[in-house]
N, C-alpha and C. Protein backbone atom coordinates (compact mmCIF):
# COMPACT_ATOMS: atom_id res chain seq x y z
N UNK A 1 0.83 -1.19 0.00
CA UNK A 1 0.00 0.00 0.00
C UNK A 1 0.87 1.26 0.00
N UNK A 2 1.92 1.23 0.80
CA UNK A 2 2.80 2.40 0.87
C UNK A 2 3.54 2.59 -0.45
N UNK A 3 3.98 1.50 -1.04
CA UNK A 3 4.66 1.61 -2.33
C UNK A 3 3.71 2.13 -3.41
N UNK A 4 2.47 1.68 -3.38
CA UNK A 4 1.50 2.16 -4.35
C UNK A 4 1.24 3.65 -4.14
N UNK A 5 1.09 4.05 -2.88
CA UNK A 5 0.90 5.47 -2.55
C UNK A 5 2.07 6.30 -3.07
N UNK A 6 3.28 5.84 -2.80
CA UNK A 6 4.47 6.58 -3.24
C UNK A 6 4.52 6.66 -4.76
N UNK A 7 4.20 5.57 -5.43
CA UNK A 7 4.23 5.56 -6.89
C UNK A 7 3.21 6.53 -7.47
N UNK A 8 2.03 6.59 -6.89
CA UNK A 8 1.02 7.55 -7.38
C UNK A 8 1.49 8.98 -7.13
N UNK A 9 2.06 9.21 -5.97
CA UNK A 9 2.53 10.57 -5.66
C UNK A 9 3.66 10.99 -6.59
N UNK A 10 4.57 10.08 -6.89
CA UNK A 10 5.73 10.47 -7.71
C UNK A 10 5.41 10.50 -9.20
N UNK A 11 4.47 9.69 -9.65
CA UNK A 11 4.13 9.69 -11.09
C UNK A 11 2.96 10.60 -11.40
N UNK A 12 2.11 10.86 -10.40
CA UNK A 12 0.93 11.69 -10.62
C UNK A 12 -0.22 10.97 -11.29
N UNK A 13 -0.10 9.64 -11.39
CA UNK A 13 -1.12 8.89 -12.12
C UNK A 13 -1.19 7.46 -11.60
N UNK A 14 -2.41 6.96 -11.46
CA UNK A 14 -2.59 5.57 -11.04
C UNK A 14 -2.09 4.64 -12.15
N UNK A 15 -2.35 4.99 -13.39
CA UNK A 15 -1.90 4.16 -14.52
C UNK A 15 -0.38 4.08 -14.57
N UNK A 16 0.29 5.23 -14.46
CA UNK A 16 1.76 5.23 -14.49
C UNK A 16 2.33 4.55 -13.25
N UNK A 17 1.65 4.70 -12.11
CA UNK A 17 2.09 4.01 -10.89
C UNK A 17 2.02 2.50 -11.10
N UNK A 18 0.96 2.03 -11.73
CA UNK A 18 0.84 0.61 -12.02
C UNK A 18 1.96 0.13 -12.91
N UNK A 19 2.27 0.91 -13.93
CA UNK A 19 3.37 0.53 -14.83
C UNK A 19 4.69 0.48 -14.08
N UNK A 20 4.92 1.44 -13.21
CA UNK A 20 6.17 1.46 -12.43
C UNK A 20 6.27 0.24 -11.52
N UNK A 21 5.14 -0.16 -10.95
CA UNK A 21 5.13 -1.28 -10.01
C UNK A 21 4.87 -2.64 -10.69
N UNK A 22 4.65 -2.59 -11.99
CA UNK A 22 4.35 -3.80 -12.77
C UNK A 22 3.08 -4.50 -12.28
N UNK A 23 2.08 -3.68 -11.96
CA UNK A 23 0.76 -4.19 -11.59
C UNK A 23 -0.28 -3.38 -12.35
N UNK A 24 -1.51 -3.86 -12.36
CA UNK A 24 -2.55 -3.19 -13.12
C UNK A 24 -3.03 -1.92 -12.41
N UNK A 25 -3.66 -1.05 -13.20
CA UNK A 25 -4.24 0.17 -12.64
C UNK A 25 -5.31 -0.16 -11.60
N UNK A 26 -6.19 -1.14 -11.86
CA UNK A 26 -7.18 -1.48 -10.82
C UNK A 26 -6.53 -1.97 -9.53
N UNK A 27 -5.41 -2.68 -9.64
CA UNK A 27 -4.72 -3.15 -8.44
C UNK A 27 -4.17 -1.97 -7.64
N UNK A 28 -3.63 -0.97 -8.33
CA UNK A 28 -3.14 0.23 -7.64
C UNK A 28 -4.31 0.95 -6.98
N UNK A 29 -5.40 1.10 -7.68
CA UNK A 29 -6.58 1.77 -7.11
C UNK A 29 -7.06 1.05 -5.86
N UNK A 30 -7.05 -0.27 -5.90
CA UNK A 30 -7.48 -1.05 -4.73
C UNK A 30 -6.52 -0.85 -3.55
N UNK A 31 -5.22 -0.85 -3.83
CA UNK A 31 -4.23 -0.63 -2.77
C UNK A 31 -4.40 0.76 -2.14
N UNK A 32 -4.64 1.76 -2.97
CA UNK A 32 -4.84 3.13 -2.46
C UNK A 32 -6.11 3.18 -1.61
N UNK A 33 -7.18 2.56 -2.08
CA UNK A 33 -8.44 2.54 -1.31
C UNK A 33 -8.24 1.85 0.03
N UNK A 34 -7.50 0.75 0.06
CA UNK A 34 -7.21 0.06 1.32
C UNK A 34 -6.38 0.94 2.24
N UNK A 35 -5.39 1.63 1.67
CA UNK A 35 -4.54 2.50 2.47
C UNK A 35 -5.35 3.66 3.05
N UNK A 36 -6.26 4.21 2.25
CA UNK A 36 -7.12 5.29 2.75
C UNK A 36 -7.98 4.79 3.90
N UNK A 37 -8.54 3.58 3.78
CA UNK A 37 -9.35 3.03 4.87
C UNK A 37 -8.48 2.83 6.12
N UNK A 38 -7.27 2.34 5.93
CA UNK A 38 -6.37 2.12 7.05
C UNK A 38 -6.02 3.45 7.73
N UNK A 39 -5.75 4.47 6.94
CA UNK A 39 -5.39 5.79 7.48
C UNK A 39 -6.58 6.48 8.12
N UNK A 40 -7.75 6.26 7.58
CA UNK A 40 -8.94 6.91 8.10
C UNK A 40 -9.22 8.27 7.48
N UNK A 41 -8.56 8.57 6.37
CA UNK A 41 -8.81 9.82 5.66
C UNK A 41 -8.48 9.64 4.18
N UNK A 42 -9.00 10.57 3.38
CA UNK A 42 -8.76 10.53 1.94
C UNK A 42 -7.34 10.98 1.64
N UNK A 43 -6.71 10.32 0.70
CA UNK A 43 -5.38 10.71 0.26
C UNK A 43 -5.45 11.50 -1.04
N UNK A 44 -6.47 11.23 -1.82
CA UNK A 44 -6.61 11.88 -3.12
C UNK A 44 -8.05 12.30 -3.32
N UNK A 45 -8.20 13.44 -3.96
CA UNK A 45 -9.51 13.89 -4.41
C UNK A 45 -9.61 13.53 -5.88
N UNK A 46 -10.67 12.86 -6.24
CA UNK A 46 -10.87 12.50 -7.64
C UNK A 46 -11.53 13.68 -8.35
N UNK A 47 -10.85 14.19 -9.36
CA UNK A 47 -11.37 15.31 -10.14
C UNK A 47 -11.48 14.85 -11.59
N UNK A 48 -12.62 14.22 -11.89
CA UNK A 48 -12.79 13.63 -13.21
C UNK A 48 -11.87 12.43 -13.34
N UNK A 49 -10.99 12.48 -14.32
CA UNK A 49 -10.05 11.38 -14.52
C UNK A 49 -8.71 11.64 -13.83
N UNK A 50 -8.60 12.76 -13.12
CA UNK A 50 -7.33 13.11 -12.48
C UNK A 50 -7.43 12.99 -10.97
N UNK A 51 -6.28 12.82 -10.34
CA UNK A 51 -6.19 12.77 -8.89
C UNK A 51 -5.45 14.00 -8.40
N UNK A 52 -5.90 14.52 -7.29
CA UNK A 52 -5.19 15.60 -6.62
C UNK A 52 -4.90 15.15 -5.20
N UNK A 53 -3.64 15.21 -4.81
CA UNK A 53 -3.26 14.80 -3.47
C UNK A 53 -3.85 15.76 -2.45
N UNK A 54 -4.38 15.21 -1.37
CA UNK A 54 -4.89 16.06 -0.28
C UNK A 54 -3.71 16.60 0.53
N UNK A 55 -3.98 17.54 1.40
CA UNK A 55 -2.93 18.05 2.30
C UNK A 55 -2.37 16.93 3.16
N UNK A 56 -3.26 16.03 3.57
CA UNK A 56 -2.82 14.89 4.39
C UNK A 56 -1.86 14.00 3.60
N UNK A 57 -2.18 13.77 2.33
CA UNK A 57 -1.32 12.94 1.48
C UNK A 57 0.05 13.60 1.30
N UNK A 58 0.05 14.90 1.13
CA UNK A 58 1.32 15.61 0.95
C UNK A 58 2.18 15.51 2.20
N UNK A 59 1.57 15.64 3.37
CA UNK A 59 2.31 15.51 4.63
C UNK A 59 2.81 14.08 4.82
N UNK A 60 1.96 13.11 4.53
CA UNK A 60 2.34 11.71 4.66
C UNK A 60 3.46 11.36 3.70
N UNK A 61 3.41 11.91 2.50
CA UNK A 61 4.42 11.62 1.49
C UNK A 61 5.81 12.02 1.98
N UNK A 62 5.93 13.11 2.69
CA UNK A 62 7.23 13.52 3.23
C UNK A 62 7.80 12.43 4.13
N UNK A 63 6.96 11.85 4.97
CA UNK A 63 7.42 10.78 5.86
C UNK A 63 7.74 9.50 5.09
N UNK A 64 6.93 9.20 4.09
CA UNK A 64 7.18 8.01 3.28
C UNK A 64 8.53 8.15 2.56
N UNK A 65 8.81 9.32 2.03
CA UNK A 65 10.09 9.53 1.35
C UNK A 65 11.26 9.36 2.32
N UNK A 66 11.11 9.86 3.54
CA UNK A 66 12.16 9.67 4.55
C UNK A 66 12.38 8.19 4.82
N UNK A 67 11.29 7.44 4.89
CA UNK A 67 11.40 6.01 5.12
C UNK A 67 12.16 5.34 3.98
N UNK A 68 11.84 5.69 2.75
CA UNK A 68 12.51 5.07 1.62
C UNK A 68 13.99 5.45 1.56
N UNK A 69 14.33 6.67 1.95
CA UNK A 69 15.74 7.06 2.03
C UNK A 69 16.45 6.18 3.07
N UNK A 70 15.81 5.95 4.21
CA UNK A 70 16.37 5.09 5.25
C UNK A 70 16.57 3.67 4.77
N UNK A 71 15.60 3.15 4.04
CA UNK A 71 15.71 1.80 3.50
C UNK A 71 16.87 1.74 2.50
N UNK A 72 17.02 2.76 1.71
CA UNK A 72 18.15 2.82 0.77
C UNK A 72 19.47 2.82 1.48
N UNK A 73 19.56 3.53 2.60
CA UNK A 73 20.79 3.56 3.38
C UNK A 73 21.08 2.18 3.97
N UNK A 74 20.06 1.50 4.44
CA UNK A 74 20.25 0.14 4.96
C UNK A 74 20.79 -0.76 3.86
N UNK A 75 20.26 -0.64 2.66
CA UNK A 75 20.74 -1.46 1.54
C UNK A 75 22.20 -1.17 1.24
N UNK A 76 22.60 0.09 1.33
CA UNK A 76 24.00 0.45 1.10
C UNK A 76 24.91 -0.14 2.16
N UNK A 77 24.48 -0.12 3.41
CA UNK A 77 25.27 -0.70 4.50
C UNK A 77 25.39 -2.21 4.32
N UNK A 78 24.30 -2.87 3.98
CA UNK A 78 24.33 -4.31 3.75
C UNK A 78 25.34 -4.64 2.65
N UNK A 79 25.29 -3.89 1.56
CA UNK A 79 26.22 -4.13 0.45
C UNK A 79 27.66 -3.93 0.90
N UNK A 80 27.90 -2.85 1.63
CA UNK A 80 29.26 -2.58 2.13
C UNK A 80 29.75 -3.67 3.05
N UNK A 81 28.88 -4.16 3.93
CA UNK A 81 29.27 -5.24 4.84
C UNK A 81 29.55 -6.53 4.06
N UNK A 82 28.67 -6.84 3.11
CA UNK A 82 28.86 -8.04 2.31
C UNK A 82 30.15 -7.98 1.50
N UNK A 83 30.45 -6.78 0.95
CA UNK A 83 31.66 -6.61 0.13
C UNK A 83 32.88 -6.30 0.96
N UNK A 84 32.70 -6.26 2.27
CA UNK A 84 33.78 -5.99 3.23
C UNK A 84 34.45 -4.64 2.96
N UNK A 85 33.62 -3.65 2.63
CA UNK A 85 34.12 -2.29 2.41
C UNK A 85 33.62 -1.34 3.49
N UNK A 86 32.97 -1.89 4.52
CA UNK A 86 32.42 -1.08 5.61
C UNK A 86 33.52 -0.74 6.59
N UNK A 87 33.57 0.53 6.98
CA UNK A 87 34.47 0.94 8.06
C UNK A 87 35.82 1.35 7.68
């Protein structure tokens, strides 16, 4: 759900998010709907065929991006430890 949310935020489109994640547009829509139910608030306002991120989504996105940066750092440390280049 978080990856789908991030993909929609970064691509601006459920269809492009699906392509990025190699899943269908309906699957992305379902993940976003589940995430909205879990959060208890709307993440996107549907304006015809377009989505507009809510203020809540924009605030949440900042935290999601921080999380992904942290995960990237963990991956770099793992690689360094495996390649014995750490320290």
